[in-house]
């Protein structure tokens, strides 16, 4: 049984490596001001108007699909944030409610490989 588990774990590593490494944005890389962004489970900002994959900043544009889903697209990247509980704070008219959502799942497809992590949306007013 242990042998099968090890093989399954080893089979997942190349797919995750091929999807690239998502790293938190540094304060200077965050747009700031009023708006919405995604944070990881430890409250590091991971998606603003940019995302950092393999050390490269990639500009992304969000689209609110429905009350539980936001999609972003950029060069060689597509992301989807989906909530199971509650609703996203931004709407299709680009208006938002200040606050923070429950944890959801961010699925990232980069250069054809997909991985996902837990994340939440936060929206803040002007500084």
C-alpha atoms as a PDB file:
ATOM      1  CA  UNK A   1       0.000   0.000   0.000  1.00  0.00           C
ATOM      2  CA  UNK A   2       2.810   2.429   0.880  1.00  0.00           C
ATOM      3  CA  UNK A   3       4.448   1.641  -2.469  1.00  0.00           C
ATOM      4  CA  UNK A   4       1.295   2.639  -4.410  1.00  0.00           C
ATOM      5  CA  UNK A   5       1.021   5.889  -2.445  1.00  0.00           C
ATOM      6  CA  UNK A   6       4.636   6.793  -3.243  1.00  0.00           C
ATOM      7  CA  UNK A   7       4.061   6.171  -6.964  1.00  0.00           C
ATOM      8  CA  UNK A   8       0.926   8.326  -6.937  1.00  0.00           C
ATOM      9  CA  UNK A   9       2.791  11.168  -5.191  1.00  0.00           C
ATOM     10  CA  UNK A  10       5.701  10.962  -7.632  1.00  0.00           C
ATOM     11  CA  UNK A  11       3.321  11.070 -10.614  1.00  0.00           C
ATOM     12  CA  UNK A  12       1.882  14.430  -9.422  1.00  0.00           C
ATOM     13  CA  UNK A  13       5.205  16.244  -9.013  1.00  0.00           C
ATOM     14  CA  UNK A  14       5.975  16.803 -12.742  1.00  0.00           C
ATOM     15  CA  UNK A  15       2.480  18.217 -13.397  1.00  0.00           C
ATOM     16  CA  UNK A  16       2.804  20.709 -10.537  1.00  0.00           C
ATOM     17  CA  UNK A  17       6.308  21.669 -11.590  1.00  0.00           C
ATOM     18  CA  UNK A  18       5.126  22.199 -15.182  1.00  0.00           C
ATOM     19  CA  UNK A  19       2.340  24.522 -13.942  1.00  0.00           C
ATOM     20  CA  UNK A  20       4.972  26.888 -12.579  1.00  0.00           C
ATOM     21  CA  UNK A  21       5.525  28.242  -9.092  1.00  0.00           C
ATOM     22  CA  UNK A  22       3.066  30.820  -7.786  1.00  0.00           C
ATOM     23  CA  UNK A  23       4.726  33.269  -5.396  1.00  0.00           C
ATOM     24  CA  UNK A  24       3.187  36.094  -3.323  1.00  0.00           C
ATOM     25  CA  UNK A  25       3.374  39.601  -4.683  1.00  0.00           C
ATOM     26  CA  UNK A  26       5.718  42.038  -2.927  1.00  0.00           C
ATOM     27  CA  UNK A  27       4.168  45.272  -1.585  1.00  0.00           C
ATOM     28  CA  UNK A  28       5.725  47.307  -4.429  1.00  0.00           C
ATOM     29  CA  UNK A  29       4.108  44.959  -6.985  1.00  0.00           C
ATOM     30  CA  UNK A  30       0.583  45.392  -5.603  1.00  0.00           C
ATOM     31  CA  UNK A  31      -1.586  48.002  -7.288  1.00  0.00           C
ATOM     32  CA  UNK A  32      -3.032  49.300  -4.005  1.00  0.00           C
ATOM     33  CA  UNK A  33      -5.932  51.690  -3.526  1.00  0.00           C
ATOM     34  CA  UNK A  34      -9.564  50.612  -3.686  1.00  0.00           C
ATOM     35  CA  UNK A  35     -10.093  47.210  -5.248  1.00  0.00           C
ATOM     36  CA  UNK A  36     -10.210  43.453  -4.887  1.00  0.00           C
ATOM     37  CA  UNK A  37      -7.452  40.866  -4.836  1.00  0.00           C
ATOM     38  CA  UNK A  38      -6.841  37.254  -3.782  1.00  0.00           C
ATOM     39  CA  UNK A  39      -4.815  36.116  -0.796  1.00  0.00           C
ATOM     40  CA  UNK A  40      -3.567  32.650   0.119  1.00  0.00           C
ATOM     41  CA  UNK A  41      -4.290  30.858   3.396  1.00  0.00           C
ATOM     42  CA  UNK A  42      -1.540  32.851   5.160  1.00  0.00           C
ATOM     43  CA  UNK A  43      -2.891  36.211   3.874  1.00  0.00           C
ATOM     44  CA  UNK A  44      -0.170  36.807   1.277  1.00  0.00           C
ATOM     45  CA  UNK A  45      -1.494  38.668  -1.777  1.00  0.00           C
ATOM     46  CA  UNK A  46      -1.241  36.324  -4.760  1.00  0.00           C
ATOM     47  CA  UNK A  47      -3.488  37.942  -7.410  1.00  0.00           C
ATOM     48  CA  UNK A  48      -4.078  41.635  -8.016  1.00  0.00           C
ATOM     49  CA  UNK A  49      -3.923  43.048 -11.542  1.00  0.00           C
ATOM     50  CA  UNK A  50      -0.834  40.831 -11.742  1.00  0.00           C
ATOM     51  CA  UNK A  51       0.215  37.360 -10.684  1.00  0.00           C
ATOM     52  CA  UNK A  52       3.780  36.119 -10.191  1.00  0.00           C
ATOM     53  CA  UNK A  53       4.632  32.736 -11.723  1.00  0.00           C
ATOM     54  CA  UNK A  54       8.212  31.429 -11.810  1.00  0.00           C
ATOM     55  CA  UNK A  55       9.372  34.898 -10.714  1.00  0.00           C
ATOM     56  CA  UNK A  56       7.701  36.594 -13.701  1.00  0.00           C
ATOM     57  CA  UNK A  57       4.994  39.230 -13.198  1.00  0.00           C
ATOM     58  CA  UNK A  58       2.083  38.565 -15.552  1.00  0.00           C
ATOM     59  CA  UNK A  59      -0.708  41.100 -16.061  1.00  0.00           C
ATOM     60  CA  UNK A  60      -4.180  39.574 -15.738  1.00  0.00           C
ATOM     61  CA  UNK A  61      -7.678  40.945 -16.238  1.00  0.00           C
ATOM     62  CA  UNK A  62     -10.553  39.699 -14.066  1.00  0.00           C
ATOM     63  CA  UNK A  63     -14.080  38.863 -15.233  1.00  0.00           C
ATOM     64  CA  UNK A  64     -16.851  38.104 -12.740  1.00  0.00           C
ATOM     65  CA  UNK A  65     -18.669  35.119 -14.246  1.00  0.00           C
ATOM     66  CA  UNK A  66     -21.373  34.684 -11.594  1.00  0.00           C
ATOM     67  CA  UNK A  67     -21.885  35.231  -7.854  1.00  0.00           C
ATOM     68  CA  UNK A  68     -19.376  32.480  -6.972  1.00  0.00           C
ATOM     69  CA  UNK A  69     -16.779  32.673  -9.760  1.00  0.00           C
ATOM     70  CA  UNK A  70     -14.125  35.081 -11.038  1.00  0.00           C
ATOM     71  CA  UNK A  71     -11.859  34.340 -14.022  1.00  0.00           C
ATOM     72  CA  UNK A  72      -8.579  36.011 -14.996  1.00  0.00           C
ATOM     73  CA  UNK A  73      -6.741  35.776 -18.296  1.00  0.00           C
ATOM     74  CA  UNK A  74      -3.272  36.843 -19.300  1.00  0.00           C
ATOM     75  CA  UNK A  75      -0.387  35.746 -21.491  1.00  0.00           C
ATOM     76  CA  UNK A  76      -0.154  31.911 -21.253  1.00  0.00           C
ATOM     77  CA  UNK A  77      -2.313  31.920 -18.101  1.00  0.00           C
ATOM     78  CA  UNK A  78      -5.959  31.380 -17.169  1.00  0.00           C
ATOM     79  CA  UNK A  79      -7.206  31.334 -13.576  1.00  0.00           C
ATOM     80  CA  UNK A  80     -10.553  30.611 -11.960  1.00  0.00           C
ATOM     81  CA  UNK A  81     -11.493  31.425  -8.369  1.00  0.00           C
ATOM     82  CA  UNK A  82     -14.588  29.601  -7.136  1.00  0.00           C
ATOM     83  CA  UNK A  83     -16.392  29.774  -3.804  1.00  0.00           C
ATOM     84  CA  UNK A  84     -18.476  26.975  -2.318  1.00  0.00           C
ATOM     85  CA  UNK A  85     -19.933  29.143   0.471  1.00  0.00           C
ATOM     86  CA  UNK A  86     -21.069  32.732   0.146  1.00  0.00           C
ATOM     87  CA  UNK A  87     -20.514  34.910  -2.894  1.00  0.00           C
ATOM     88  CA  UNK A  88     -17.675  36.906  -4.370  1.00  0.00           C
ATOM     89  CA  UNK A  89     -17.445  40.558  -3.352  1.00  0.00           C
ATOM     90  CA  UNK A  90     -17.124  42.040  -6.840  1.00  0.00           C
ATOM     91  CA  UNK A  91     -19.894  42.097  -9.435  1.00  0.00           C
ATOM     92  CA  UNK A  92     -20.116  42.216 -13.221  1.00  0.00           C
ATOM     93  CA  UNK A  93     -20.357  46.039 -13.122  1.00  0.00           C
ATOM     94  CA  UNK A  94     -16.896  46.216 -11.474  1.00  0.00           C
ATOM     95  CA  UNK A  95     -18.393  47.378  -8.191  1.00  0.00           C
ATOM     96  CA  UNK A  96     -17.524  45.614  -4.952  1.00  0.00           C
ATOM     97  CA  UNK A  97     -18.309  45.282  -1.274  1.00  0.00           C
ATOM     98  CA  UNK A  98     -15.465  45.860   1.199  1.00  0.00           C
ATOM     99  CA  UNK A  99     -14.701  42.676   3.118  1.00  0.00           C
ATOM    100  CA  UNK A 100     -13.344  39.165   2.865  1.00  0.00           C
ATOM    101  CA  UNK A 101     -14.821  35.894   1.582  1.00  0.00           C
ATOM    102  CA  UNK A 102     -14.622  32.370   2.912  1.00  0.00           C
ATOM    103  CA  UNK A 103     -11.830  30.181   1.519  1.00  0.00           C
ATOM    104  CA  UNK A 104     -12.376  29.061  -2.039  1.00  0.00           C
ATOM    105  CA  UNK A 105     -10.269  27.379  -4.683  1.00  0.00           C
ATOM    106  CA  UNK A 106      -8.010  29.097  -7.199  1.00  0.00           C
ATOM    107  CA  UNK A 107      -7.309  26.949 -10.240  1.00  0.00           C
ATOM    108  CA  UNK A 108      -4.348  28.090 -12.356  1.00  0.00           C
ATOM    109  CA  UNK A 109      -3.611  26.895 -15.884  1.00  0.00           C
ATOM    110  CA  UNK A 110      -0.181  28.091 -16.977  1.00  0.00           C
ATOM    111  CA  UNK A 111       1.421  26.977 -20.236  1.00  0.00           C
ATOM    112  CA  UNK A 112      -1.072  24.107 -20.441  1.00  0.00           C
ATOM    113  CA  UNK A 113      -0.532  22.651 -16.937  1.00  0.00           C
ATOM    114  CA  UNK A 114      -3.089  23.117 -14.151  1.00  0.00           C
ATOM    115  CA  UNK A 115      -2.755  23.277 -10.369  1.00  0.00           C
ATOM    116  CA  UNK A 116      -4.940  24.706  -7.607  1.00  0.00           C
ATOM    117  CA  UNK A 117      -4.638  26.214  -4.152  1.00  0.00           C
ATOM    118  CA  UNK A 118      -6.972  27.520  -1.467  1.00  0.00           C
ATOM    119  CA  UNK A 119      -7.478  31.281  -1.534  1.00  0.00           C
ATOM    120  CA  UNK A 120      -9.930  33.999  -0.537  1.00  0.00           C
ATOM    121  CA  UNK A 121     -11.004  37.281  -2.054  1.00  0.00           C
ATOM    122  CA  UNK A 122     -10.485  40.523  -0.164  1.00  0.00           C
ATOM    123  CA  UNK A 123     -11.768  43.934  -1.197  1.00  0.00           C
ATOM    124  CA  UNK A 124     -10.645  47.205   0.376  1.00  0.00           C
ATOM    125  CA  UNK A 125     -11.581  50.864   0.027  1.00  0.00           C
ATOM    126  CA  UNK A 126      -9.072  53.618  -0.774  1.00  0.00           C
ATOM    127  CA  UNK A 127      -5.954  53.844   1.417  1.00  0.00           C
END
